[in-house]
Amino acid sequence: MAQLSSEELLRYARHLSLPAVGRAGQERLKGARVLLVGAGGLGSPAALYLAAAGIGTIGLVDHDRVDVTNLQRQILHGTASVGRAKVDSGRDRLADLNPLVGIEPHDARLSAANAAAIVAGYDLVVDGSDNFPTRYLLSDVCVWLGKPLVYGSIFRFEGQVSLFHAARGPCYRCLYAEPPPPELVPTCAEGGVLGVLPGIIGSIQALEAIKWILGAGESLVGRLLVFDALRLSFRELGLRKDPDCPVCGQRPTITEPIDYEAFCGVGTRTDDGEVDPPSLAGQLVKGAETLVLDVREPWEWEIARIEGSRLVPLGELADRLAELDARREIVTVCHHGTRSIQARDLLRAAGFAQVRSLAGGIDAWASSVEPEMPRY
């Protein structure tokens, strides 16, 4: 077991006085290796408290760069870090908070090709990801490698936390056998998130990880903790292991990584209902009579918009169909493409024959057509 130095005895004095921790417990924390997937909203508080608690080695997996829109909730990073790799920004912040812990940055997107190799080097995984393909991938890999997985998720004013360990209880697939349709899952940018919420949920994830390493208290294995920020209330749901689970059940049918993006319906649309930004730009330059119908909210419209487009928020569209010419070609636009697909389908069902959605939304337009356009 890792021995504590005199400097560590002083730093962790408040832990050492706790009967459930003590010197032996603090040495277990020092000897632990924890992998944190995602250095964003959930990962920020989790990483900070894990490092402060003296976890010996923390692995950070993230492939994103710090953006100014992250700073409302991703407290691991600051204004000076905008544009930097999140794992580099996170490493420096954690090293400043506690130079006695080791930080292992993995500047990579977790995938079926690298997940097992990365996860294998750690004792426990904290899931701070924000997408379903990564959640299913992490869960499956942790089942196969026998690793405990601390799960957390947030949406607007609600958060969830659990701890999955197939040897003792259910896995993530036992809770969510199938992912929701991608068009029904808005991003944080589209659905919004209260900045303090990931701080609460990520802190609980750190707590569960620390308790697991210490062997203290009762873990969330077999329980889903649901937090409602508006009511400031917690409720608990019991979870059971699914004997028919394709990964951790009695007769597993998934024993190696699959195409998780295809499983979650990400990037699999092949119909002609979308137009890419360069193609739309070309149409507009040629003077096409195309109506660019922006279905975002007014505050988003104020940040960035395609010149000549018309704003009709998605929530108002059904009541304002009479304002649109059904004979005209329409291209619907939102932030990343989710709401615009809903708008496209609504218009087609109402008899509008020439409707397509802008693939990737205004964000893709800014990236490929107007690089000077503000992005959020």
Protein backbone atom coordinates (compact mmCIF):
# COMPACT_ATOMS: atom_id res chain seq x y z
CA MET A 1 0.00 0.00 0.00
CA ALA A 2 1.23 3.52 -0.83
CA GLN A 3 2.80 5.21 2.19
CA LEU A 4 1.97 8.83 3.04
CA SER A 5 4.73 11.42 3.17
CA SER A 6 4.91 14.06 5.88
CA GLU A 7 3.60 16.60 3.36
CA GLU A 8 0.62 14.36 2.62
CA LEU A 9 -0.08 13.81 6.30
CA LEU A 10 -0.41 17.56 6.68
CA ARG A 11 -2.43 18.14 3.50
CA TYR A 12 -4.96 15.39 4.25
CA ALA A 13 -5.20 16.00 8.00
CA ARG A 14 -8.96 16.53 7.87
CA HIS A 15 -9.37 13.16 6.17
CA LEU A 16 -7.10 11.40 8.62
CA SER A 17 -9.31 12.47 11.52
CA LEU A 18 -12.34 10.74 9.97
CA PRO A 19 -12.84 7.22 11.33
CA ALA A 20 -14.06 6.02 7.92
CA VAL A 21 -10.86 7.27 6.26
CA GLY A 22 -7.89 7.47 8.60
CA ARG A 23 -4.36 6.80 7.47
CA ALA A 24 -5.19 3.43 5.90
CA GLY A 25 -8.02 4.92 3.88
CA GLN A 26 -5.93 7.85 2.70
CA GLU A 27 -3.27 5.42 1.58
CA ARG A 28 -5.91 3.54 -0.42
CA LEU A 29 -6.86 6.82 -2.09
CA LYS A 30 -3.20 7.49 -2.87
CA GLY A 31 -2.81 4.07 -4.44
CA ALA A 32 -5.95 4.36 -6.57
CA ARG A 33 -6.05 5.00 -10.30
CA VAL A 34 -9.25 6.69 -11.50
CA LEU A 35 -10.16 7.39 -15.12
CA LEU A 36 -12.36 10.40 -15.78
CA VAL A 37 -13.98 10.42 -19.23
CA GLY A 38 -14.89 13.98 -20.15
CA ALA A 39 -13.30 17.13 -18.75
CA GLY A 40 -16.44 19.23 -19.13
CA GLY A 41 -19.45 20.04 -16.99
CA LEU A 42 -19.55 16.82 -14.96
CA GLY A 43 -15.85 16.11 -15.22
CA SER A 44 -14.80 19.49 -13.85
CA PRO A 45 -16.09 19.16 -10.27
CA ALA A 46 -15.38 15.43 -10.22
CA ALA A 47 -11.75 16.00 -11.23
CA LEU A 48 -11.24 18.83 -8.76
CA TYR A 49 -12.58 16.88 -5.78
CA LEU A 50 -10.80 13.67 -6.73
CA ALA A 51 -7.51 15.53 -6.98
CA ALA A 52 -8.14 17.42 -3.74
CA ALA A 53 -8.96 14.14 -1.99
CA GLY A 54 -5.58 12.71 -2.92
CA ILE A 55 -6.42 10.12 -5.58
CA GLY A 56 -2.95 8.96 -6.58
CA THR A 57 -3.45 8.93 -10.33
CA ILE A 58 -6.20 10.57 -12.37
CA GLY A 59 -6.59 9.91 -16.07
CA LEU A 60 -8.36 12.58 -18.14
CA VAL A 61 -9.93 11.62 -21.48
CA ASP A 62 -11.22 14.39 -23.73
CA HIS A 63 -10.64 15.49 -27.30
CA ASP A 64 -12.27 18.93 -27.16
CA ARG A 65 -10.82 22.39 -26.85
CA VAL A 66 -11.97 24.94 -24.28
CA ASP A 67 -14.60 27.30 -25.67
CA VAL A 68 -15.90 30.45 -24.03
CA THR A 69 -19.40 28.92 -23.88
CA ASN A 70 -17.98 26.16 -21.65
CA LEU A 71 -17.04 28.53 -18.85
CA GLN A 72 -20.59 28.93 -17.54
CA ARG A 73 -20.33 25.44 -16.03
CA GLN A 74 -16.94 23.83 -16.75
CA ILE A 75 -15.08 25.21 -13.76
CA LEU A 76 -11.94 23.17 -14.40
CA HIS A 77 -11.07 25.78 -17.05
CA GLY A 78 -10.70 29.54 -17.12
CA THR A 79 -10.75 32.37 -19.65
CA ALA A 80 -7.01 32.07 -20.22
CA SER A 81 -7.53 28.45 -21.32
CA VAL A 82 -9.91 29.22 -24.20
CA GLY A 83 -8.60 27.41 -27.28
CA ARG A 84 -6.44 24.96 -25.32
CA ALA A 85 -6.99 21.23 -25.19
CA LYS A 86 -9.23 20.46 -22.22
CA VAL A 87 -6.91 17.72 -20.97
CA ASP A 88 -3.98 20.16 -20.93
CA SER A 89 -6.00 22.89 -19.22
CA GLY A 90 -7.35 20.33 -16.74
CA ARG A 91 -3.92 18.88 -16.03
CA ASP A 92 -2.49 22.29 -15.19
CA ARG A 93 -5.43 23.23 -12.95
CA LEU A 94 -5.31 19.94 -11.04
CA ALA A 95 -1.54 20.13 -10.66
CA ASP A 96 -1.95 23.56 -9.12
CA LEU A 97 -4.69 22.32 -6.80
CA ASN A 98 -2.69 19.29 -5.69
CA PRO A 99 0.83 18.72 -7.04
CA LEU A 100 1.04 15.45 -5.10
CA VAL A 101 -1.28 13.56 -7.47
CA GLY A 102 -0.39 12.27 -10.91
CA ILE A 103 -2.42 13.42 -13.93
CA GLU A 104 -2.43 11.35 -17.11
CA PRO A 105 -4.00 13.26 -20.05
CA HIS A 106 -5.48 11.31 -22.95
CA ASP A 107 -6.15 13.84 -25.72
CA ALA A 108 -8.30 11.43 -27.72
CA ARG A 109 -11.88 10.68 -28.53
CA LEU A 110 -12.86 7.47 -26.74
CA SER A 111 -13.73 4.86 -29.35
CA ALA A 112 -14.24 1.15 -29.81
CA ALA A 113 -10.62 0.99 -30.97
CA ASN A 114 -8.99 2.54 -27.88
CA ALA A 115 -11.46 2.28 -24.98
CA ALA A 116 -10.41 -1.11 -23.62
CA ALA A 117 -6.70 -0.24 -23.68
CA ILE A 118 -7.30 3.03 -21.83
CA VAL A 119 -9.80 1.70 -19.27
CA ALA A 120 -7.65 -1.34 -18.46
CA GLY A 121 -5.03 0.84 -16.80
CA TYR A 122 -7.39 2.14 -14.11
CA ASP A 123 -9.26 0.80 -11.08
CA LEU A 124 -12.49 2.78 -11.49
CA VAL A 125 -14.10 4.92 -14.20
CA VAL A 126 -16.12 8.12 -13.78
CA ASP A 127 -18.35 8.85 -16.77
CA GLY A 128 -18.52 12.57 -17.44
CA SER A 129 -19.44 12.17 -21.11
CA ASP A 130 -22.33 13.92 -22.80
CA ASN A 131 -23.36 11.50 -25.55
CA PHE A 132 -24.99 8.10 -25.77
CA PRO A 133 -22.41 6.28 -27.93
CA THR A 134 -19.72 6.97 -25.32
CA ARG A 135 -21.97 5.94 -22.43
CA TYR A 136 -22.81 2.58 -23.99
CA LEU A 137 -19.19 2.00 -25.02
CA LEU A 138 -17.91 2.78 -21.52
CA SER A 139 -20.50 0.59 -19.87
CA ASP A 140 -19.76 -2.37 -22.10
CA VAL A 141 -15.99 -2.08 -21.69
CA CYS A 142 -16.30 -1.77 -17.90
CA VAL A 143 -18.46 -4.92 -17.80
CA TRP A 144 -15.93 -6.88 -19.85
CA LEU A 145 -12.98 -5.65 -17.76
CA GLY A 146 -14.78 -5.90 -14.40
CA LYS A 147 -14.38 -2.18 -13.62
CA PRO A 148 -16.85 -0.14 -11.54
CA LEU A 149 -18.41 2.77 -13.46
CA VAL A 150 -19.75 5.91 -11.79
CA TYR A 151 -22.49 7.22 -14.09
CA GLY A 152 -23.83 10.75 -14.19
CA SER A 153 -26.01 12.73 -16.56
CA ILE A 154 -27.77 16.08 -16.63
CA PHE A 155 -30.54 17.74 -18.60
CA ARG A 156 -31.73 21.28 -17.96
CA PHE A 157 -32.69 21.17 -14.25
CA GLU A 158 -32.41 17.44 -13.54
CA GLY A 159 -29.51 15.10 -12.92
CA GLN A 160 -28.96 11.39 -12.39
CA VAL A 161 -26.21 9.39 -10.67
CA SER A 162 -25.60 5.67 -10.20
CA LEU A 163 -22.75 3.22 -9.86
CA PHE A 164 -22.68 0.25 -12.20
CA HIS A 165 -20.69 -2.88 -11.44
CA ALA A 166 -21.78 -6.04 -13.18
CA ALA A 167 -20.31 -8.27 -10.49
CA ARG A 168 -22.64 -6.75 -7.89
CA GLY A 169 -25.59 -5.34 -9.81
CA PRO A 170 -26.88 -3.95 -13.11
CA CYS A 171 -25.00 -2.20 -15.88
CA TYR A 172 -26.02 0.87 -17.86
CA ARG A 173 -27.76 -1.30 -20.47
CA CYS A 174 -29.94 -2.82 -17.76
CA LEU A 175 -31.24 0.69 -17.10
CA TYR A 176 -31.41 1.87 -20.70
CA ALA A 177 -31.61 -1.09 -23.06
CA GLU A 178 -32.04 1.17 -26.09
CA PRO A 179 -30.93 4.76 -26.70
CA PRO A 180 -33.57 7.38 -27.49
CA PRO A 181 -33.93 8.56 -31.10
CA PRO A 182 -31.18 11.16 -31.72
CA GLU A 183 -33.67 13.76 -32.95
CA LEU A 184 -35.31 13.71 -29.51
CA VAL A 185 -32.07 14.38 -27.64
CA PRO A 186 -31.11 18.07 -27.69
CA THR A 187 -27.55 19.09 -26.94
CA CYS A 188 -26.72 21.31 -23.97
CA ALA A 189 -26.58 24.23 -26.43
CA GLU A 190 -30.08 23.45 -27.68
CA GLY A 191 -31.74 22.30 -24.46
CA GLY A 192 -29.74 24.45 -22.08
CA VAL A 193 -28.29 23.51 -18.72
CA LEU A 194 -28.20 25.38 -15.42
CA GLY A 195 -24.49 25.96 -14.79
CA VAL A 196 -24.49 24.82 -11.16
CA LEU A 197 -26.29 21.52 -11.91
CA PRO A 198 -23.26 19.61 -13.28
CA GLY A 199 -21.36 20.89 -10.26
CA ILE A 200 -23.81 19.11 -7.97
CA ILE A 201 -23.98 15.88 -9.99
CA GLY A 202 -20.24 15.76 -10.69
CA SER A 203 -19.52 16.24 -6.99
CA ILE A 204 -21.78 13.30 -6.14
CA GLN A 205 -19.92 11.22 -8.71
CA ALA A 206 -16.64 12.09 -7.01
CA LEU A 207 -18.17 11.16 -3.66
CA GLU A 208 -19.25 7.75 -4.98
CA ALA A 209 -15.79 7.09 -6.41
CA ILE A 210 -14.11 8.00 -3.12
CA LYS A 211 -16.54 5.87 -1.08
CA TRP A 212 -15.96 2.92 -3.38
CA ILE A 213 -12.18 3.14 -3.01
CA LEU A 214 -12.46 3.48 0.76
CA GLY A 215 -15.08 0.74 1.06
CA ALA A 216 -17.12 3.18 3.13
CA GLY A 217 -20.86 3.60 3.39
CA GLU A 218 -23.46 2.29 0.95
CA SER A 219 -22.76 2.70 -2.75
CA LEU A 220 -25.30 3.48 -5.45
CA VAL A 221 -25.02 0.01 -6.97
CA GLY A 222 -28.61 -1.02 -7.75
CA ARG A 223 -29.92 2.50 -7.15
CA LEU A 224 -30.49 5.51 -9.40
CA LEU A 225 -30.38 8.88 -7.62
CA VAL A 226 -32.46 11.55 -9.38
CA PHE A 227 -32.00 15.22 -8.48
CA ASP A 228 -34.53 17.94 -9.31
CA ALA A 229 -32.85 21.33 -8.98
CA LEU A 230 -36.04 23.37 -9.23
CA ARG A 231 -37.69 21.53 -6.35
CA LEU A 232 -34.35 20.92 -4.61
CA SER A 233 -35.33 17.31 -4.08
CA PHE A 234 -33.75 13.90 -4.42
CA ARG A 235 -35.57 10.68 -5.16
CA GLU A 236 -34.26 7.17 -5.51
CA LEU A 237 -35.21 4.42 -7.93
CA GLY A 238 -34.28 0.79 -7.41
CA LEU A 239 -32.45 -0.91 -10.29
CA ARG A 240 -32.30 -4.61 -11.04
CA LYS A 241 -29.92 -6.61 -13.13
CA ASP A 242 -31.59 -7.66 -16.38
CA PRO A 243 -31.05 -11.41 -16.90
CA ASP A 244 -31.53 -10.81 -20.63
CA CYS A 245 -29.06 -7.94 -20.84
CA PRO A 246 -26.97 -8.53 -24.00
CA VAL A 247 -23.76 -7.59 -22.18
CA CYS A 248 -24.02 -8.52 -18.48
CA GLY A 249 -26.95 -10.97 -18.62
CA GLN A 250 -27.00 -14.74 -18.34
CA ARG A 251 -26.45 -15.28 -22.08
CA PRO A 252 -24.46 -12.30 -23.41
CA THR A 253 -24.75 -11.63 -27.13
CA ILE A 254 -22.46 -8.57 -27.21
CA THR A 255 -18.98 -9.64 -26.20
CA GLU A 256 -16.86 -7.13 -28.09
CA PRO A 257 -17.20 -3.48 -29.19
CA ILE A 258 -19.87 -2.69 -31.76
CA ASP A 259 -20.54 0.34 -33.95
CA TYR A 260 -21.88 2.53 -31.14
CA GLU A 261 -22.71 5.49 -33.33
CA ALA A 262 -24.83 3.31 -35.58
CA PHE A 263 -26.46 1.70 -32.52
CA CYS A 264 -27.39 5.15 -31.22
CA GLY A 265 -28.48 6.40 -34.63
CA VAL A 266 -25.76 9.04 -34.84
CA GLY A 267 -24.63 10.07 -38.29
CA THR A 268 -26.65 7.35 -40.04
CA ARG A 269 -29.20 9.43 -41.98
CA THR A 270 -28.92 8.74 -45.69
CA ASP A 271 -32.11 10.29 -47.10
CA ASP A 272 -32.25 13.39 -49.27
CA GLY A 273 -33.83 15.48 -46.55
CA GLU A 274 -30.67 17.42 -45.75
CA VAL A 275 -28.47 19.92 -47.54
CA ASP A 276 -24.89 20.66 -46.53
CA PRO A 277 -23.80 24.27 -45.84
CA PRO A 278 -21.61 24.75 -48.96
CA SER A 279 -24.42 23.53 -51.20
CA LEU A 280 -26.93 25.89 -49.61
CA ALA A 281 -24.45 28.75 -49.84
CA GLY A 282 -24.05 28.02 -53.54
CA GLN A 283 -27.81 28.06 -54.05
CA LEU A 284 -28.14 31.42 -52.31
CA VAL A 285 -25.27 32.97 -54.28
CA LYS A 286 -27.01 31.93 -57.51
CA GLY A 287 -30.13 33.77 -56.35
CA ALA A 288 -32.29 30.72 -55.68
CA GLU A 289 -35.72 31.50 -54.25
CA THR A 290 -35.00 29.34 -51.21
CA LEU A 291 -36.45 30.35 -47.86
CA VAL A 292 -33.97 29.75 -45.07
CA LEU A 293 -36.25 29.16 -42.11
CA ASP A 294 -34.43 29.51 -38.79
CA VAL A 295 -36.26 27.63 -36.02
CA ARG A 296 -33.99 28.58 -33.13
CA GLU A 297 -34.89 30.89 -30.27
CA PRO A 298 -34.62 34.70 -30.58
CA TRP A 299 -31.58 34.89 -28.30
CA GLU A 300 -29.74 32.45 -30.56
CA TRP A 301 -30.77 34.45 -33.63
CA GLU A 302 -29.19 37.54 -32.05
CA ILE A 303 -25.83 35.75 -31.75
CA ALA A 304 -25.60 34.52 -35.35
CA ARG A 305 -27.85 34.07 -38.37
CA ILE A 306 -27.69 33.46 -42.10
CA GLU A 307 -28.30 36.64 -44.03
CA GLY A 308 -31.80 36.77 -45.46
CA SER A 309 -33.12 33.97 -43.24
CA ARG A 310 -36.45 34.18 -41.43
CA LEU A 311 -36.95 33.39 -37.74
CA VAL A 312 -39.87 31.21 -36.65
CA PRO A 313 -39.01 29.35 -33.39
CA LEU A 314 -39.83 25.65 -33.50
CA GLY A 315 -42.36 26.00 -30.69
CA GLU A 316 -44.36 28.50 -32.77
CA LEU A 317 -44.03 26.82 -36.15
CA ALA A 318 -47.21 24.71 -36.04
CA ASP A 319 -49.31 27.81 -35.38
CA ARG A 320 -47.63 29.90 -38.08
CA LEU A 321 -47.76 27.62 -41.10
CA ALA A 322 -50.11 30.01 -42.89
CA GLU A 323 -47.28 32.54 -43.06
CA LEU A 324 -45.25 30.22 -45.31
CA ASP A 325 -45.57 29.53 -49.04
CA ALA A 326 -46.00 25.76 -49.52
CA ARG A 327 -44.84 26.08 -53.15
CA ARG A 328 -41.47 27.50 -52.20
CA GLU A 329 -38.34 25.51 -51.39
CA ILE A 330 -37.57 25.74 -47.67
CA VAL A 331 -34.39 24.89 -45.77
CA THR A 332 -34.82 24.70 -42.00
CA VAL A 333 -31.94 25.74 -39.74
CA CYS A 334 -31.16 25.34 -36.03
CA HIS A 335 -27.98 25.14 -33.97
CA HIS A 336 -26.73 21.63 -34.78
CA GLY A 337 -29.52 20.08 -36.86
CA THR A 338 -31.81 18.37 -34.36
CA ARG A 339 -34.60 20.94 -34.19
CA SER A 340 -34.38 21.67 -37.91
CA ILE A 341 -35.12 18.01 -38.68
CA GLN A 342 -38.18 18.19 -36.44
CA ALA A 343 -39.26 21.34 -38.27
CA ARG A 344 -38.65 19.70 -41.65
CA ASP A 345 -40.79 16.72 -40.70
CA LEU A 346 -43.53 18.96 -39.34
CA LEU A 347 -43.64 20.96 -42.58
CA ARG A 348 -43.64 17.87 -44.77
CA ALA A 349 -46.53 16.40 -42.78
CA ALA A 350 -48.42 19.65 -43.32
CA GLY A 351 -48.05 19.39 -47.10
CA PHE A 352 -44.86 21.35 -47.77
CA ALA A 353 -43.17 19.25 -50.45
CA GLN A 354 -39.82 21.01 -50.90
CA VAL A 355 -38.28 21.04 -47.44
CA ARG A 356 -34.79 20.08 -46.35
CA SER A 357 -32.80 20.56 -43.16
CA LEU A 358 -29.38 22.23 -43.00
CA ALA A 359 -26.97 19.46 -41.98
CA GLY A 360 -25.04 20.46 -38.87
CA GLY A 361 -27.05 23.64 -38.42
CA ILE A 362 -25.74 27.17 -38.02
CA ASP A 363 -22.64 25.79 -36.30
CA ALA A 364 -21.64 23.85 -39.42
CA TRP A 365 -22.43 26.92 -41.53
CA ALA A 366 -20.09 29.03 -39.42
CA SER A 367 -17.38 26.39 -39.67
CA SER A 368 -17.48 25.89 -43.43
CA VAL A 369 -19.07 29.00 -44.95
CA GLU A 370 -18.67 32.00 -42.63
CA PRO A 371 -15.68 31.38 -40.33
CA GLU A 372 -16.00 34.91 -38.92
CA MET A 373 -19.50 34.15 -37.62
CA PRO A 374 -19.77 33.86 -33.80
CA ARG A 375 -20.22 30.28 -32.55
CA TYR A 376 -21.85 29.31 -29.29
